[in-house]
Amino acid sequence: TVSAGEARARIAAGGRWLDVRTGDEFDQQHLAAA
């Protein structure tokens, strides 16, 4: 597990968000480029 700050650093280093919720949840709101 990583904190929000650690997650932000991994995304900045080339990582990517992975949203594992349903498509309906994702369509309502999600993190950019997930």
PDB file of all heavy atoms in Angstrom:
ATOM      1  N   THR A   1       0.843  -1.192   0.000  1.00  0.00           N
ATOM      2  CA  THR A   1       0.000   0.000   0.000  1.00  0.00           C
ATOM      3  C   THR A   1       0.880   1.244   0.000  1.00  0.00           C
ATOM      4  O   THR A   1       1.981   1.242   0.545  1.00  0.00           O
ATOM      5  CB  THR A   1      -0.922   0.027   1.231  1.00  0.00           C
ATOM      6  OG1 THR A   1      -0.129   0.003   2.423  1.00  0.00           O
ATOM      7  CG2 THR A   1      -1.861  -1.172   1.232  1.00  0.00           C
ATOM      8  N   VAL A   2       0.380   2.292  -0.617  1.00  0.00           N
ATOM      9  CA  VAL A   2       1.111   3.560  -0.668  1.00  0.00           C
ATOM     10  C   VAL A   2       0.179   4.695  -0.291  1.00  0.00           C
ATOM     11  O   VAL A   2      -1.027   4.636  -0.532  1.00  0.00           O
ATOM     12  CB  VAL A   2       1.712   3.821  -2.074  1.00  0.00           C
ATOM     13  CG1 VAL A   2       2.802   2.816  -2.393  1.00  0.00           C
ATOM     14  CG2 VAL A   2       0.633   3.794  -3.158  1.00  0.00           C
ATOM     15  N   SER A   3       0.728   5.727   0.315  1.00  0.00           N
ATOM     16  CA  SER A   3      -0.042   6.926   0.639  1.00  0.00           C
ATOM     17  C   SER A   3      -0.315   7.714  -0.632  1.00  0.00           C
ATOM     18  O   SER A   3       0.240   7.423  -1.700  1.00  0.00           O
ATOM     19  CB  SER A   3       0.742   7.792   1.622  1.00  0.00           C
ATOM     20  OG  SER A   3       1.918   8.298   0.978  1.00  0.00           O
ATOM     21  N   ALA A   4      -1.154   8.724  -0.510  1.00  0.00           N
ATOM     22  CA  ALA A   4      -1.441   9.573  -1.669  1.00  0.00           C
ATOM     23  C   ALA A   4      -0.164  10.230  -2.190  1.00  0.00           C
ATOM     24  O   ALA A   4       0.046  10.331  -3.408  1.00  0.00           O
ATOM     25  CB  ALA A   4      -2.475  10.624  -1.303  1.00  0.00           C
ATOM     26  N   GLY A   5       0.710  10.672  -1.268  1.00  0.00           N
ATOM     27  CA  GLY A   5       1.958  11.298  -1.693  1.00  0.00           C
ATOM     28  C   GLY A   5       2.867  10.332  -2.436  1.00  0.00           C
ATOM     29  O   GLY A   5       3.454  10.682  -3.469  1.00  0.00           O
ATOM     30  N   GLU A   6       2.975   9.108  -1.929  1.00  0.00           N
ATOM     31  CA  GLU A   6       3.796   8.095  -2.609  1.00  0.00           C
ATOM     32  C   GLU A   6       3.190   7.726  -3.957  1.00  0.00           C
ATOM     33  O   GLU A   6       3.903   7.520  -4.946  1.00  0.00           O
ATOM     34  CB  GLU A   6       3.903   6.849  -1.726  1.00  0.00           C
ATOM     35  CG  GLU A   6       4.699   7.057  -0.450  1.00  0.00           C
ATOM     36  CD  GLU A   6       4.605   5.863   0.475  1.00  0.00           C
ATOM     37  OE1 GLU A   6       3.461   5.454   0.809  1.00  0.00           O
ATOM     38  OE2 GLU A   6       5.658   5.335   0.859  1.00  0.00           O
ATOM     39  N   ALA A   7       1.858   7.639  -3.996  1.00  0.00           N
ATOM     40  CA  ALA A   7       1.191   7.319  -5.262  1.00  0.00           C
ATOM     41  C   ALA A   7       1.451   8.402  -6.297  1.00  0.00           C
ATOM     42  O   ALA A   7       1.749   8.117  -7.465  1.00  0.00           O
ATOM     43  CB  ALA A   7      -0.314   7.172  -5.027  1.00  0.00           C
ATOM     44  N   ARG A   8       1.368   9.652  -5.878  1.00  0.00           N
ATOM     45  CA  ARG A   8       1.611  10.773  -6.789  1.00  0.00           C
ATOM     46  C   ARG A   8       3.028  10.697  -7.353  1.00  0.00           C
ATOM     47  O   ARG A   8       3.250  10.927  -8.551  1.00  0.00           O
ATOM     48  CB  ARG A   8       1.393  12.089  -6.044  1.00  0.00           C
ATOM     49  CG  ARG A   8       1.422  13.315  -6.944  1.00  0.00           C
ATOM     50  CD  ARG A   8       1.305  14.608  -6.154  1.00  0.00           C
ATOM     51  NE  ARG A   8      -0.018  14.787  -5.595  1.00  0.00           N
ATOM     52  CZ  ARG A   8      -0.312  14.664  -4.298  1.00  0.00           C
ATOM     53  NH1 ARG A   8       0.643  14.355  -3.422  1.00  0.00           N
ATOM     54  NH2 ARG A   8      -1.536  14.866  -3.872  1.00  0.00           N
ATOM     55  N   ALA A   9       3.985  10.339  -6.515  1.00  0.00           N
ATOM     56  CA  ALA A   9       5.381  10.242  -6.969  1.00  0.00           C
ATOM     57  C   ALA A   9       5.548   9.114  -7.978  1.00  0.00           C
ATOM     58  O   ALA A   9       6.282   9.254  -8.967  1.00  0.00           O
ATOM     59  CB  ALA A   9       6.299  10.019  -5.765  1.00  0.00           C
ATOM     60  N   ARG A  10       4.878   8.009  -7.764  1.00  0.00           N
ATOM     61  CA  ARG A  10       4.985   6.884  -8.708  1.00  0.00           C
ATOM     62  C   ARG A  10       4.336   7.219 -10.041  1.00  0.00           C
ATOM     63  O   ARG A  10       4.820   6.810 -11.101  1.00  0.00           O
ATOM     64  CB  ARG A  10       4.374   5.627  -8.093  1.00  0.00           C
ATOM     65  CG  ARG A  10       5.176   5.116  -6.908  1.00  0.00           C
ATOM     66  CD  ARG A  10       4.755   3.730  -6.460  1.00  0.00           C
ATOM     67  NE  ARG A  10       5.575   3.310  -5.319  1.00  0.00           N
ATOM     68  CZ  ARG A  10       6.770   2.771  -5.427  1.00  0.00           C
ATOM     69  NH1 ARG A  10       7.294   2.565  -6.627  1.00  0.00           N
ATOM     70  NH2 ARG A  10       7.447   2.416  -4.352  1.00  0.00           N
ATOM     71  N   ILE A  11       3.238   7.953 -10.000  1.00  0.00           N
ATOM     72  CA  ILE A  11       2.589   8.373 -11.245  1.00  0.00           C
ATOM     73  C   ILE A  11       3.508   9.341 -11.996  1.00  0.00           C
ATOM     74  O   ILE A  11       3.678   9.246 -13.217  1.00  0.00           O
ATOM     75  CB  ILE A  11       1.222   9.029 -10.968  1.00  0.00           C
ATOM     76  CG1 ILE A  11       0.278   8.029 -10.289  1.00  0.00           C
ATOM     77  CG2 ILE A  11       0.608   9.565 -12.251  1.00  0.00           C
ATOM     78  CD1 ILE A  11       0.033   6.752 -11.050  1.00  0.00           C
ATOM     79  N   ALA A  12       4.126  10.273 -11.267  1.00  0.00           N
ATOM     80  CA  ALA A  12       5.037  11.244 -11.895  1.00  0.00           C
ATOM     81  C   ALA A  12       6.251  10.556 -12.508  1.00  0.00           C
ATOM     82  O   ALA A  12       6.829  11.048 -13.477  1.00  0.00           O
ATOM     83  CB  ALA A  12       5.483  12.278 -10.863  1.00  0.00           C
ATOM     84  N   ALA A  13       6.619   9.382 -11.954  1.00  0.00           N
ATOM     85  CA  ALA A  13       7.790   8.657 -12.461  1.00  0.00           C
ATOM     86  C   ALA A  13       7.439   7.711 -13.617  1.00  0.00           C
ATOM     87  O   ALA A  13       8.278   6.920 -14.042  1.00  0.00           O
ATOM     88  CB  ALA A  13       8.421   7.861 -11.327  1.00  0.00           C
ATOM     89  N   GLY A  14       6.208   7.801 -14.120  1.00  0.00           N
ATOM     90  CA  GLY A  14       5.819   6.978 -15.265  1.00  0.00           C
ATOM     91  C   GLY A  14       4.810   5.900 -14.961  1.00  0.00           C
ATOM     92  O   GLY A  14       4.427   5.125 -15.850  1.00  0.00           O
ATOM     93  N   GLY A  15       4.367   5.832 -13.697  1.00  0.00           N
ATOM     94  CA  GLY A  15       3.345   4.855 -13.344  1.00  0.00           C
ATOM     95  C   GLY A  15       1.976   5.281 -13.858  1.00  0.00           C
ATOM     96  O   GLY A  15       1.810   6.362 -14.430  1.00  0.00           O
ATOM     97  N   ARG A  16       0.988   4.421 -13.636  1.00  0.00           N
ATOM     98  CA  ARG A  16      -0.362   4.733 -14.116  1.00  0.00           C
ATOM     99  C   ARG A  16      -1.399   4.310 -13.090  1.00  0.00           C
ATOM    100  O   ARG A  16      -1.252   3.288 -12.422  1.00  0.00           O
ATOM    101  CB  ARG A  16      -0.636   4.015 -15.438  1.00  0.00           C
ATOM    102  CG  ARG A  16      -1.933   4.470 -16.099  1.00  0.00           C
ATOM    103  CD  ARG A  16      -2.125   3.847 -17.454  1.00  0.00           C
ATOM    104  NE  ARG A  16      -3.339   4.351 -18.091  1.00  0.00           N
ATOM    105  CZ  ARG A  16      -3.855   3.878 -19.215  1.00  0.00           C
ATOM    106  NH1 ARG A  16      -3.244   2.877 -19.856  1.00  0.00           N
ATOM    107  NH2 ARG A  16      -4.955   4.389 -19.721  1.00  0.00           N
ATOM    108  N   TRP A  17      -2.446   5.120 -12.969  1.00  0.00           N
ATOM    109  CA  TRP A  17      -3.565   4.778 -12.108  1.00  0.00           C
ATOM    110  C   TRP A  17      -4.324   3.593 -12.714  1.00  0.00           C
ATOM    111  O   TRP A  17      -4.519   3.527 -13.927  1.00  0.00           O
ATOM    112  CB  TRP A  17      -4.528   5.943 -11.962  1.00  0.00           C
ATOM    113  CG  TRP A  17      -3.981   7.174 -11.299  1.00  0.00           C
ATOM    114  CD1 TRP A  17      -3.764   8.395 -11.879  1.00  0.00           C
ATOM    115  CD2 TRP A  17      -3.619   7.329  -9.928  1.00  0.00           C
ATOM    116  NE1 TRP A  17      -3.278   9.280 -10.963  1.00  0.00           N
ATOM    117  CE2 TRP A  17      -3.178   8.656  -9.753  1.00  0.00           C
ATOM    118  CE3 TRP A  17      -3.612   6.463  -8.828  1.00  0.00           C
ATOM    119  CZ2 TRP A  17      -2.743   9.147  -8.534  1.00  0.00           C
ATOM    120  CZ3 TRP A  17      -3.188   6.946  -7.605  1.00  0.00           C
ATOM    121  CH2 TRP A  17      -2.757   8.272  -7.460  1.00  0.00           C
ATOM    122  N   LEU A  18      -4.805   2.701 -11.852  1.00  0.00           N
ATOM    123  CA  LEU A  18      -5.592   1.556 -12.286  1.00  0.00           C
ATOM    124  C   LEU A  18      -6.875   1.535 -11.453  1.00  0.00           C
ATOM    125  O   LEU A  18      -6.860   1.232 -10.258  1.00  0.00           O
ATOM    126  CB  LEU A  18      -4.803   0.259 -12.090  1.00  0.00           C
ATOM    127  CG  LEU A  18      -5.416  -1.021 -12.649  1.00  0.00           C
ATOM    128  CD1 LEU A  18      -5.552  -0.924 -14.172  1.00  0.00           C
ATOM    129  CD2 LEU A  18      -4.573  -2.230 -12.281  1.00  0.00           C
ATOM    130  N   ASP A  19      -7.975   1.868 -12.078  1.00  0.00           N
ATOM    131  CA  ASP A  19      -9.279   1.947 -11.416  1.00  0.00           C
ATOM    132  C   ASP A  19      -9.970   0.594 -11.552  1.00  0.00           C
ATOM    133  O   ASP A  19     -10.300   0.173 -12.656  1.00  0.00           O
ATOM    134  CB  ASP A  19     -10.116   3.049 -12.073  1.00  0.00           C
ATOM    135  CG  ASP A  19     -11.384   3.384 -11.302  1.00  0.00           C
ATOM    136  OD1 ASP A  19     -12.039   2.439 -10.810  1.00  0.00           O
ATOM    137  OD2 ASP A  19     -11.737   4.574 -11.222  1.00  0.00           O
ATOM    138  N   VAL A  20     -10.189  -0.104 -10.422  1.00  0.00           N
ATOM    139  CA  VAL A  20     -10.768  -1.448 -10.488  1.00  0.00           C
ATOM    140  C   VAL A  20     -12.248  -1.449 -10.111  1.00  0.00           C
ATOM    141  O   VAL A  20     -12.831  -2.502  -9.867  1.00  0.00           O
ATOM    142  CB  VAL A  20      -9.981  -2.433  -9.592  1.00  0.00           C
ATOM    143  CG1 VAL A  20      -8.531  -2.498 -10.031  1.00  0.00           C
ATOM    144  CG2 VAL A  20     -10.079  -2.065  -8.118  1.00  0.00           C
ATOM    145  N   ARG A  21     -12.878  -0.275 -10.094  1.00  0.00           N
ATOM    146  CA  ARG A  21     -14.315  -0.195  -9.846  1.00  0.00           C
ATOM    147  C   ARG A  21     -15.084  -0.534 -11.130  1.00  0.00           C
ATOM    148  O   ARG A  21     -14.494  -0.736 -12.190  1.00  0.00           O
ATOM    149  CB  ARG A  21     -14.674   1.205  -9.359  1.00  0.00           C
ATOM    150  CG  ARG A  21     -13.952   1.609  -8.064  1.00  0.00           C
ATOM    151  CD  ARG A  21     -14.238   3.064  -7.718  1.00  0.00           C
ATOM    152  NE  ARG A  21     -13.846   3.945  -8.813  1.00  0.00           N
ATOM    153  CZ  ARG A  21     -14.298   5.177  -8.992  1.00  0.00           C
ATOM    154  NH1 ARG A  21     -15.190   5.676  -8.159  1.00  0.00           N
ATOM    155  NH2 ARG A  21     -13.875   5.907 -10.002  1.00  0.00           N
ATOM    156  N   THR A  22     -16.389  -0.576 -11.046  1.00  0.00           N
ATOM    157  CA  THR A  22     -17.206  -0.878 -12.220  1.00  0.00           C
ATOM    158  C   THR A  22     -17.156   0.271 -13.221  1.00  0.00           C
ATOM    159  O   THR A  22     -16.787   1.403 -12.872  1.00  0.00           O
ATOM    160  CB  THR A  22     -18.671  -1.130 -11.824  1.00  0.00           C
ATOM    161  OG1 THR A  22     -19.250   0.093 -11.339  1.00  0.00           O
ATOM    162  CG2 THR A  22     -18.778  -2.203 -10.752  1.00  0.00           C
ATOM    163  N   GLY A  23     -17.552  -0.010 -14.445  1.00  0.00           N
ATOM    164  CA  GLY A  23     -17.558   1.023 -15.475  1.00  0.00           C
ATOM    165  C   GLY A  23     -18.465   2.184 -15.133  1.00  0.00           C
ATOM    166  O   GLY A  23     -18.145   3.350 -15.432  1.00  0.00           O
ATOM    167  N   ASP A  24     -19.602   1.921 -14.495  1.00  0.00           N
ATOM    168  CA  ASP A  24     -20.524   2.993 -14.106  1.00  0.00           C
ATOM    169  C   ASP A  24     -19.888   3.913 -13.068  1.00  0.00           C
ATOM    170  O   ASP A  24     -20.041   5.139 -13.129  1.00  0.00           O
ATOM    171  CB  ASP A  24     -21.818   2.405 -13.540  1.00  0.00           C
ATOM    172  CG  ASP A  24     -22.689   1.774 -14.614  1.00  0.00           C
ATOM    173  OD1 ASP A  24     -22.587   2.197 -15.783  1.00  0.00           O
ATOM    174  OD2 ASP A  24     -23.468   0.862 -14.290  1.00  0.00           O
ATOM    175  N   GLU A  25     -19.173   3.339 -12.107  1.00  0.00           N
ATOM    176  CA  GLU A  25     -18.487   4.160 -11.105  1.00  0.00           C
ATOM    177  C   GLU A  25     -17.397   4.993 -11.762  1.00  0.00           C
ATOM    178  O   GLU A  25     -17.224   6.176 -11.450  1.00  0.00           O
ATOM    179  CB  GLU A  25     -17.869   3.266 -10.036  1.00  0.00           C
ATOM    180  CG  GLU A  25     -18.845   2.538  -9.142  1.00  0.00           C
ATOM    181  CD  GLU A  25     -18.137   1.583  -8.215  1.00  0.00           C
ATOM    182  OE1 GLU A  25     -17.748   0.487  -8.668  1.00  0.00           O
ATOM    183  OE2 GLU A  25     -17.956   1.922  -7.035  1.00  0.00           O
ATOM    184  N   PHE A  26     -16.660   4.371 -12.656  1.00  0.00           N
ATOM    185  CA  PHE A  26     -15.565   5.060 -13.360  1.00  0.00           C
ATOM    186  C   PHE A  26     -16.106   6.230 -14.176  1.00  0.00           C
ATOM    187  O   PHE A  26     -15.520   7.319 -14.175  1.00  0.00           O
ATOM    188  CB  PHE A  26     -14.854   4.063 -14.267  1.00  0.00           C
ATOM    189  CG  PHE A  26     -13.696   4.639 -15.048  1.00  0.00           C
ATOM    190  CD1 PHE A  26     -12.444   4.747 -14.473  1.00  0.00           C
ATOM    191  CD2 PHE A  26     -13.864   5.060 -16.371  1.00  0.00           C
ATOM    192  CE1 PHE A  26     -11.371   5.271 -15.195  1.00  0.00           C
ATOM    193  CE2 PHE A  26     -12.808   5.579 -17.091  1.00  0.00           C
ATOM    194  CZ  PHE A  26     -11.554   5.683 -16.501  1.00  0.00           C
ATOM    195  N   ASP A  27     -17.221   6.025 -14.855  1.00  0.00           N
ATOM    196  CA  ASP A  27     -17.792   7.072 -15.712  1.00  0.00           C
ATOM    197  C   ASP A  27     -18.248   8.268 -14.900  1.00  0.00           C
ATOM    198  O   ASP A  27     -18.216   9.408 -15.378  1.00  0.00           O
ATOM    199  CB  ASP A  27     -18.967   6.523 -16.526  1.00  0.00           C
ATOM    200  CG  ASP A  27     -18.510   5.565 -17.619  1.00  0.00           C
ATOM    201  OD1 ASP A  27     -17.315   5.594 -17.979  1.00  0.00           O
ATOM    202  OD2 ASP A  27     -19.350   4.786 -18.108  1.00  0.00           O
ATOM    203  N   GLN A  28     -18.685   8.042 -13.678  1.00  0.00           N
ATOM    204  CA  GLN A  28     -19.149   9.158 -12.865  1.00  0.00           C
ATOM    205  C   GLN A  28     -17.994  10.048 -12.425  1.00  0.00           C
ATOM    206  O   GLN A  28     -18.068  11.269 -12.502  1.00  0.00           O
ATOM    207  CB  GLN A  28     -19.898   8.654 -11.634  1.00  0.00           C
ATOM    208  CG  GLN A  28     -20.525   9.812 -10.844  1.00  0.00           C
ATOM    209  CD  GLN A  28     -21.086   9.379  -9.513  1.00  0.00           C
ATOM    210  OE1 GLN A  28     -20.552   8.476  -8.877  1.00  0.00           O
ATOM    211  NE2 GLN A  28     -22.154  10.026  -9.083  1.00  0.00           N
ATOM    212  N   GLN A  29     -16.906   9.439 -11.985  1.00  0.00           N
ATOM    213  CA  GLN A  29     -15.726  10.206 -11.572  1.00  0.00           C
ATOM    214  C   GLN A  29     -14.553   9.249 -11.416  1.00  0.00           C
ATOM    215  O   GLN A  29     -14.699   8.138 -10.921  1.00  0.00           O
ATOM    216  CB  GLN A  29     -15.985  10.932 -10.250  1.00  0.00           C
ATOM    217  CG  GLN A  29     -14.916  11.955  -9.901  1.00  0.00           C
ATOM    218  CD  GLN A  29     -15.326  12.819  -8.728  1.00  0.00           C
ATOM    219  OE1 GLN A  29     -15.684  12.305  -7.678  1.00  0.00           O
ATOM    220  NE2 GLN A  29     -15.275  14.126  -8.902  1.00  0.00           N
ATOM    221  N   HIS A  30     -13.376   9.702 -11.869  1.00  0.00           N
ATOM    222  CA  HIS A  30     -12.178   8.876 -11.753  1.00  0.00           C
ATOM    223  C   HIS A  30     -10.941   9.774 -11.748  1.00  0.00           C
ATOM    224  O   HIS A  30     -11.049  10.991 -11.892  1.00  0.00           O
ATOM    225  CB  HIS A  30     -12.100   7.868 -12.909  1.00  0.00           C
ATOM    226  CG  HIS A  30     -12.088   8.499 -14.268  1.00  0.00           C
ATOM    227  ND1 HIS A  30     -13.253   8.740 -14.979  1.00  0.00           N
ATOM    228  CD2 HIS A  30     -11.072   8.953 -15.051  1.00  0.00           C
ATOM    229  CE1 HIS A  30     -12.951   9.304 -16.132  1.00  0.00           C
ATOM    230  NE2 HIS A  30     -11.635   9.455 -16.195  1.00  0.00           N
ATOM    231  N   LEU A  31      -9.787   9.164 -11.577  1.00  0.00           N
ATOM    232  CA  LEU A  31      -8.540   9.909 -11.617  1.00  0.00           C
ATOM    233  C   LEU A  31      -8.052  10.022 -13.052  1.00  0.00           C
ATOM    234  O   LEU A  31      -8.190   9.088 -13.851  1.00  0.00           O
ATOM    235  CB  LEU A  31      -7.484   9.217 -10.753  1.00  0.00           C
ATOM    236  CG  LEU A  31      -7.830   9.086  -9.271  1.00  0.00           C
ATOM    237  CD1 LEU A  31      -6.694   8.415  -8.501  1.00  0.00           C
ATOM    238  CD2 LEU A  31      -8.147  10.443  -8.646  1.00  0.00           C
ATOM    239  N   ALA A  32      -7.498  11.171 -13.391  1.00  0.00           N
ATOM    240  CA  ALA A  32      -7.097  11.464 -14.771  1.00  0.00           C
ATOM    241  C   ALA A  32      -6.125  10.414 -15.291  1.00  0.00           C
ATOM    242  O   ALA A  32      -5.208   9.988 -14.597  1.00  0.00           O
ATOM    243  CB  ALA A  32      -6.456  12.848 -14.834  1.00  0.00           C
ATOM    244  N   ALA A  33      -6.343   9.996 -16.549  1.00  0.00           N
ATOM    245  CA  ALA A  33      -5.490   9.045 -17.271  1.00  0.00           C
ATOM    246  C   ALA A  33      -5.502   7.643 -16.667  1.00  0.00           C
ATOM    247  O   ALA A  33      -4.650   6.815 -16.979  1.00  0.00           O
ATOM    248  CB  ALA A  33      -4.054   9.558 -17.379  1.00  0.00           C
ATOM    249  N   ALA A  34      -6.478   7.364 -15.796  1.00  0.00           N
ATOM    250  CA  ALA A  34      -6.567   6.031 -15.194  1.00  0.00           C
ATOM    251  C   ALA A  34      -7.077   5.024 -16.221  1.00  0.00           C
ATOM    252  O   ALA A  34      -7.909   5.340 -17.078  1.00  0.00           O
ATOM    253  CB  ALA A  34      -7.490   6.049 -13.986  1.00  0.00           C
TER     254      ALA A  34
END
